[in-house]
Amino acid sequence: VIEPLRVKIQEIDSAAEVAGMILRIDDVIASKKSPPPPPGGGEHGHGGGMGGMGGMGGMPPGMGM
C-alpha cells in the first residue's frame, strides 16, 4: 500500500518539474525572437554580389589581342 503512494507522489513531482521546464523553454524562445527590420531600409530581395559591374572579367591588361 505504501509503495503505490510513493510512486504516485514521484509521478506528480516529475510532472510538475517537466511543466516548469516547458514554461522556461517557452520563455527563452519568446525572448530570443529577432527584432523586426527597420522600416524603409534594408534589403529588397536583391541577389547580393556587386551589381552593375559587368565586363570586369577577362584577361589582365596587356595580355589581350
PDB file of N, CA and C in Angstrom:
ATOM      1  N   VAL A   1       0.839  -1.196   0.000  1.00  0.00           N
ATOM      2  CA  VAL A   1       0.000   0.000   0.000  1.00  0.00           C
ATOM      3  C   VAL A   1       0.876   1.250   0.000  1.00  0.00           C
ATOM      4  N   ILE A   2       1.998   1.206   0.686  1.00  0.00           N
ATOM      5  CA  ILE A   2       2.861   2.384   0.787  1.00  0.00           C
ATOM      6  C   ILE A   2       3.590   2.635  -0.535  1.00  0.00           C
ATOM      7  N   GLU A   3       4.028   1.607  -1.200  1.00  0.00           N
ATOM      8  CA  GLU A   3       4.791   1.780  -2.441  1.00  0.00           C
ATOM      9  C   GLU A   3       3.987   2.474  -3.542  1.00  0.00           C
ATOM     10  N   PRO A   4       2.737   2.100  -3.813  1.00  0.00           N
ATOM     11  CA  PRO A   4       1.991   2.820  -4.841  1.00  0.00           C
ATOM     12  C   PRO A   4       1.824   4.311  -4.530  1.00  0.00           C
ATOM     13  N   LEU A   5       1.700   4.670  -3.271  1.00  0.00           N
ATOM     14  CA  LEU A   5       1.594   6.083  -2.908  1.00  0.00           C
ATOM     15  C   LEU A   5       2.901   6.803  -3.236  1.00  0.00           C
ATOM     16  N   ARG A   6       4.023   6.177  -2.945  1.00  0.00           N
ATOM     17  CA  ARG A   6       5.320   6.782  -3.269  1.00  0.00           C
ATOM     18  C   ARG A   6       5.468   6.972  -4.779  1.00  0.00           C
ATOM     19  N   VAL A   7       5.022   6.001  -5.542  1.00  0.00           N
ATOM     20  CA  VAL A   7       5.106   6.091  -6.998  1.00  0.00           C
ATOM     21  C   VAL A   7       4.253   7.246  -7.498  1.00  0.00           C
ATOM     22  N   LYS A   8       3.056   7.381  -6.955  1.00  0.00           N
ATOM     23  CA  LYS A   8       2.173   8.478  -7.377  1.00  0.00           C
ATOM     24  C   LYS A   8       2.765   9.834  -7.023  1.00  0.00           C
ATOM     25  N   ILE A   9       3.356   9.937  -5.848  1.00  0.00           N
ATOM     26  CA  ILE A   9       3.981  11.201  -5.447  1.00  0.00           C
ATOM     27  C   ILE A   9       5.146  11.524  -6.383  1.00  0.00           C
ATOM     28  N   GLN A  10       5.950  10.528  -6.717  1.00  0.00           N
ATOM     29  CA  GLN A  10       7.073  10.735  -7.643  1.00  0.00           C
ATOM     30  C   GLN A  10       6.576  11.158  -9.021  1.00  0.00           C
ATOM     31  N   GLU A  11       5.494  10.542  -9.491  1.00  0.00           N
ATOM     32  CA  GLU A  11       4.935  10.909 -10.798  1.00  0.00           C
ATOM     33  C   GLU A  11       4.455  12.350 -10.804  1.00  0.00           C
ATOM     34  N   ILE A  12       3.792  12.769  -9.731  1.00  0.00           N
ATOM     35  CA  ILE A  12       3.300  14.151  -9.658  1.00  0.00           C
ATOM     36  C   ILE A  12       4.472  15.122  -9.597  1.00  0.00           C
ATOM     37  N   ASP A  13       5.504  14.794  -8.803  1.00  0.00           N
ATOM     38  CA  ASP A  13       6.691  15.656  -8.734  1.00  0.00           C
ATOM     39  C   ASP A  13       7.373  15.774 -10.101  1.00  0.00           C
ATOM     40  N   SER A  14       7.497  14.654 -10.794  1.00  0.00           N
ATOM     41  CA  SER A  14       8.131  14.667 -12.117  1.00  0.00           C
ATOM     42  C   SER A  14       7.317  15.471 -13.117  1.00  0.00           C
ATOM     43  N   ALA A  15       6.003  15.319 -13.082  1.00  0.00           N
ATOM     44  CA  ALA A  15       5.145  16.069 -13.999  1.00  0.00           C
ATOM     45  C   ALA A  15       5.242  17.568 -13.736  1.00  0.00           C
ATOM     46  N   ALA A  16       5.298  17.964 -12.474  1.00  0.00           N
ATOM     47  CA  ALA A  16       5.425  19.384 -12.140  1.00  0.00           C
ATOM     48  C   ALA A  16       6.774  19.926 -12.613  1.00  0.00           C
ATOM     49  N   GLU A  17       7.826  19.131 -12.460  1.00  0.00           N
ATOM     50  CA  GLU A  17       9.148  19.558 -12.913  1.00  0.00           C
ATOM     51  C   GLU A  17       9.191  19.723 -14.431  1.00  0.00           C
ATOM     52  N   VAL A  18       8.601  18.796 -15.153  1.00  0.00           N
ATOM     53  CA  VAL A  18       8.565  18.875 -16.615  1.00  0.00           C
ATOM     54  C   VAL A  18       7.758  20.088 -17.062  1.00  0.00           C
ATOM     55  N   ALA A  19       6.633  20.346 -16.407  1.00  0.00           N
ATOM     56  CA  ALA A  19       5.819  21.518 -16.763  1.00  0.00           C
ATOM     57  C   ALA A  19       6.615  22.806 -16.561  1.00  0.00           C
ATOM     58  N   GLY A  20       7.381  22.882 -15.479  1.00  0.00           N
ATOM     59  CA  GLY A  20       8.220  24.057 -15.241  1.00  0.00           C
ATOM     60  C   GLY A  20       9.286  24.221 -16.309  1.00  0.00           C
ATOM     61  N   MET A  21       9.897  23.113 -16.736  1.00  0.00           N
ATOM     62  CA  MET A  21      10.907  23.180 -17.803  1.00  0.00           C
ATOM     63  C   MET A  21      10.299  23.670 -19.108  1.00  0.00           C
ATOM     64  N   ILE A  22       9.113  23.180 -19.436  1.00  0.00           N
ATOM     65  CA  ILE A  22       8.454  23.598 -20.679  1.00  0.00           C
ATOM     66  C   ILE A  22       8.170  25.091 -20.647  1.00  0.00           C
ATOM     67  N   LEU A  23       7.699  25.592 -19.510  1.00  0.00           N
ATOM     68  CA  LEU A  23       7.424  27.027 -19.410  1.00  0.00           C
ATOM     69  C   LEU A  23       8.707  27.840 -19.536  1.00  0.00           C
ATOM     70  N   ARG A  24       9.805  27.364 -18.949  1.00  0.00           N
ATOM     71  CA  ARG A  24      11.074  28.076 -19.071  1.00  0.00           C
ATOM     72  C   ARG A  24      11.557  28.098 -20.513  1.00  0.00           C
ATOM     73  N   ILE A  25      11.436  26.977 -21.198  1.00  0.00           N
ATOM     74  CA  ILE A  25      11.862  26.911 -22.597  1.00  0.00           C
ATOM     75  C   ILE A  25      11.016  27.850 -23.450  1.00  0.00           C
ATOM     76  N   ASP A  26       9.716  27.907 -23.199  1.00  0.00           N
ATOM     77  CA  ASP A  26       8.852  28.831 -23.940  1.00  0.00           C
ATOM     78  C   ASP A  26       9.276  30.273 -23.719  1.00  0.00           C
ATOM     79  N   ASP A  27       9.642  30.621 -22.481  1.00  0.00           N
ATOM     80  CA  ASP A  27      10.095  31.981 -22.202  1.00  0.00           C
ATOM     81  C   ASP A  27      11.388  32.301 -22.941  1.00  0.00           C
ATOM     82  N   VAL A  28      12.319  31.356 -22.979  1.00  0.00           N
ATOM     83  CA  VAL A  28      13.590  31.576 -23.676  1.00  0.00           C
ATOM     84  C   VAL A  28      13.348  31.765 -25.165  1.00  0.00           C
ATOM     85  N   ILE A  29      12.501  30.935 -25.748  1.00  0.00           N
ATOM     86  CA  ILE A  29      12.210  31.047 -27.182  1.00  0.00           C
ATOM     87  C   ILE A  29      11.532  32.371 -27.485  1.00  0.00           C
ATOM     88  N   ALA A  30      10.591  32.785 -26.653  1.00  0.00           N
ATOM     89  CA  ALA A  30       9.877  34.041 -26.890  1.00  0.00           C
ATOM     90  C   ALA A  30      10.808  35.243 -26.757  1.00  0.00           C
ATOM     91  N   SER A  31      11.789  35.188 -25.859  1.00  0.00           N
ATOM     92  CA  SER A  31      12.682  36.331 -25.668  1.00  0.00           C
ATOM     93  C   SER A  31      13.780  36.393 -26.715  1.00  0.00           C
ATOM     94  N   LYS A  32      14.051  35.299 -27.431  1.00  0.00           N
ATOM     95  CA  LYS A  32      15.120  35.286 -28.426  1.00  0.00           C
ATOM     96  C   LYS A  32      14.637  35.573 -29.834  1.00  0.00           C
ATOM     97  N   LYS A  33      13.391  35.927 -30.026  1.00  0.00           N
ATOM     98  CA  LYS A  33      12.923  36.249 -31.376  1.00  0.00           C
ATOM     99  C   LYS A  33      13.649  37.497 -31.847  1.00  0.00           C
ATOM    100  N   SER A  34      14.076  37.483 -33.096  1.00  0.00           N
ATOM    101  CA  SER A  34      14.838  38.604 -33.626  1.00  0.00           C
ATOM    102  C   SER A  34      13.928  39.814 -33.796  1.00  0.00           C
ATOM    103  N   PRO A  35      14.471  41.011 -33.575  1.00  0.00           N
ATOM    104  CA  PRO A  35      13.663  42.216 -33.751  1.00  0.00           C
ATOM    105  C   PRO A  35      13.318  42.416 -35.224  1.00  0.00           C
ATOM    106  N   PRO A  36      12.202  43.050 -35.506  1.00  0.00           N
ATOM    107  CA  PRO A  36      11.820  43.268 -36.905  1.00  0.00           C
ATOM    108  C   PRO A  36      12.789  44.227 -37.591  1.00  0.00           C
ATOM    109  N   PRO A  37      12.976  44.108 -38.914  1.00  0.00           N
ATOM    110  CA  PRO A  37      13.882  45.011 -39.628  1.00  0.00           C
ATOM    111  C   PRO A  37      13.336  46.435 -39.612  1.00  0.00           C
ATOM    112  N   PRO A  38      14.225  47.423 -39.676  1.00  0.00           N
ATOM    113  CA  PRO A  38      13.759  48.810 -39.664  1.00  0.00           C
ATOM    114  C   PRO A  38      12.946  49.115 -40.920  1.00  0.00           C
ATOM    115  N   PRO A  39      11.908  49.920 -40.788  1.00  0.00           N
ATOM    116  CA  PRO A  39      11.071  50.228 -41.957  1.00  0.00           C
ATOM    117  C   PRO A  39      11.807  51.111 -42.963  1.00  0.00           C
ATOM    118  N   GLY A  40      11.569  50.869 -44.239  1.00  0.00           N
ATOM    119  CA  GLY A  40      12.096  51.726 -45.293  1.00  0.00           C
ATOM    120  C   GLY A  40      13.475  51.346 -45.792  1.00  0.00           C
ATOM    121  N   GLY A  41      14.303  50.741 -45.012  1.00  0.00           N
ATOM    122  CA  GLY A  41      15.656  50.424 -45.444  1.00  0.00           C
ATOM    123  C   GLY A  41      15.858  48.938 -45.562  1.00  0.00           C
ATOM    124  N   GLY A  42      17.101  48.562 -45.638  1.00  0.00           N
ATOM    125  CA  GLY A  42      17.409  47.144 -45.649  1.00  0.00           C
ATOM    126  C   GLY A  42      17.400  46.555 -47.028  1.00  0.00           C
ATOM    127  N   GLU A  43      17.355  45.245 -47.059  1.00  0.00           N
ATOM    128  CA  GLU A  43      17.424  44.527 -48.323  1.00  0.00           C
ATOM    129  C   GLU A  43      16.077  44.525 -49.023  1.00  0.00           C
ATOM    130  N   HIS A  44      16.128  44.469 -50.332  1.00  0.00           N
ATOM    131  CA  HIS A  44      14.905  44.444 -51.134  1.00  0.00           C
ATOM    132  C   HIS A  44      14.848  43.192 -51.986  1.00  0.00           C
ATOM    133  N   GLY A  45      15.473  42.137 -51.541  1.00  0.00           N
ATOM    134  CA  GLY A  45      15.414  40.881 -52.266  1.00  0.00           C
ATOM    135  C   GLY A  45      16.419  40.759 -53.396  1.00  0.00           C
ATOM    136  N   HIS A  46      17.429  41.616 -53.433  1.00  0.00           N
ATOM    137  CA  HIS A  46      18.448  41.506 -54.474  1.00  0.00           C
ATOM    138  C   HIS A  46      19.334  40.311 -54.183  1.00  0.00           C
ATOM    139  N   GLY A  47      19.932  39.772 -55.197  1.00  0.00           N
ATOM    140  CA  GLY A  47      20.696  38.547 -55.063  1.00  0.00           C
ATOM    141  C   GLY A  47      22.072  38.707 -54.463  1.00  0.00           C
ATOM    142  N   GLY A  48      22.475  39.837 -54.025  1.00  0.00           N
ATOM    143  CA  GLY A  48      23.800  40.022 -53.458  1.00  0.00           C
ATOM    144  C   GLY A  48      24.832  40.188 -54.553  1.00  0.00           C
ATOM    145  N   GLY A  49      26.079  40.261 -54.181  1.00  0.00           N
ATOM    146  CA  GLY A  49      27.128  40.454 -55.167  1.00  0.00           C
ATOM    147  C   GLY A  49      27.257  41.925 -55.527  1.00  0.00           C
ATOM    148  N   MET A  50      28.031  42.192 -56.567  1.00  0.00           N
ATOM    149  CA  MET A  50      28.252  43.573 -56.980  1.00  0.00           C
ATOM    150  C   MET A  50      27.509  43.823 -58.281  1.00  0.00           C
ATOM    151  N   GLY A  51      26.385  44.442 -58.180  1.00  0.00           N
ATOM    152  CA  GLY A  51      25.589  44.739 -59.364  1.00  0.00           C
ATOM    153  C   GLY A  51      26.207  45.841 -60.202  1.00  0.00           C
ATOM    154  N   GLY A  52      25.952  45.823 -61.494  1.00  0.00           N
ATOM    155  CA  GLY A  52      26.440  46.885 -62.374  1.00  0.00           C
ATOM    156  C   GLY A  52      27.921  46.790 -62.679  1.00  0.00           C
ATOM    157  N   MET A  53      28.542  45.677 -62.440  1.00  0.00           N
ATOM    158  CA  MET A  53      29.973  45.552 -62.668  1.00  0.00           C
ATOM    159  C   MET A  53      30.260  44.636 -63.859  1.00  0.00           C
ATOM    160  N   GLY A  54      29.383  44.598 -64.820  1.00  0.00           N
ATOM    161  CA  GLY A  54      29.580  43.747 -65.982  1.00  0.00           C
ATOM    162  C   GLY A  54      30.811  44.137 -66.776  1.00  0.00           C
ATOM    163  N   GLY A  55      31.459  43.177 -67.408  1.00  0.00           N
ATOM    164  CA  GLY A  55      32.625  43.474 -68.234  1.00  0.00           C
ATOM    165  C   GLY A  55      33.907  43.630 -67.448  1.00  0.00           C
ATOM    166  N   MET A  56      33.908  43.311 -66.184  1.00  0.00           N
ATOM    167  CA  MET A  56      35.110  43.480 -65.374  1.00  0.00           C
ATOM    168  C   MET A  56      36.010  42.243 -65.415  1.00  0.00           C
ATOM    169  N   GLY A  57      35.557  41.155 -66.020  1.00  0.00           N
ATOM    170  CA  GLY A  57      36.375  39.947 -66.045  1.00  0.00           C
ATOM    171  C   GLY A  57      37.273  39.932 -67.268  1.00  0.00           C
ATOM    172  N   GLY A  58      37.868  38.787 -67.545  1.00  0.00           N
ATOM    173  CA  GLY A  58      38.677  38.654 -68.754  1.00  0.00           C
ATOM    174  C   GLY A  58      40.159  38.672 -68.468  1.00  0.00           C
ATOM    175  N   MET A  59      40.930  39.003 -69.506  1.00  0.00           N
ATOM    176  CA  MET A  59      42.383  38.964 -69.425  1.00  0.00           C
ATOM    177  C   MET A  59      42.902  40.200 -68.691  1.00  0.00           C
ATOM    178  N   PRO A  60      44.056  40.075 -68.031  1.00  0.00           N
ATOM    179  CA  PRO A  60      44.674  41.240 -67.399  1.00  0.00           C
ATOM    180  C   PRO A  60      45.145  42.233 -68.465  1.00  0.00           C
ATOM    181  N   PRO A  61      45.348  43.491 -68.105  1.00  0.00           N
ATOM    182  CA  PRO A  61      45.802  44.489 -69.083  1.00  0.00           C
ATOM    183  C   PRO A  61      47.132  44.075 -69.726  1.00  0.00           C
ATOM    184  N   GLY A  62      47.256  44.310 -71.019  1.00  0.00           N
ATOM    185  CA  GLY A  62      48.468  43.986 -71.757  1.00  0.00           C
ATOM    186  C   GLY A  62      48.524  42.553 -72.256  1.00  0.00           C
ATOM    187  N   MET A  63      47.563  41.720 -71.893  1.00  0.00           N
ATOM    188  CA  MET A  63      47.566  40.326 -72.306  1.00  0.00           C
ATOM    189  C   MET A  63      46.546  40.085 -73.416  1.00  0.00           C
ATOM    190  N   GLY A  64      45.856  41.120 -73.828  1.00  0.00           N
ATOM    191  CA  GLY A  64      44.811  40.976 -74.834  1.00  0.00           C
ATOM    192  C   GLY A  64      45.367  40.906 -76.234  1.00  0.00           C
ATOM    193  N   MET A  65      44.506  41.068 -77.225  1.00  0.00           N
ATOM    194  CA  MET A  65      44.874  40.979 -78.635  1.00  0.00           C
ATOM    195  C   MET A  65      45.668  42.142 -78.998  1.00  0.00           C
TER     196      MET A  65
END
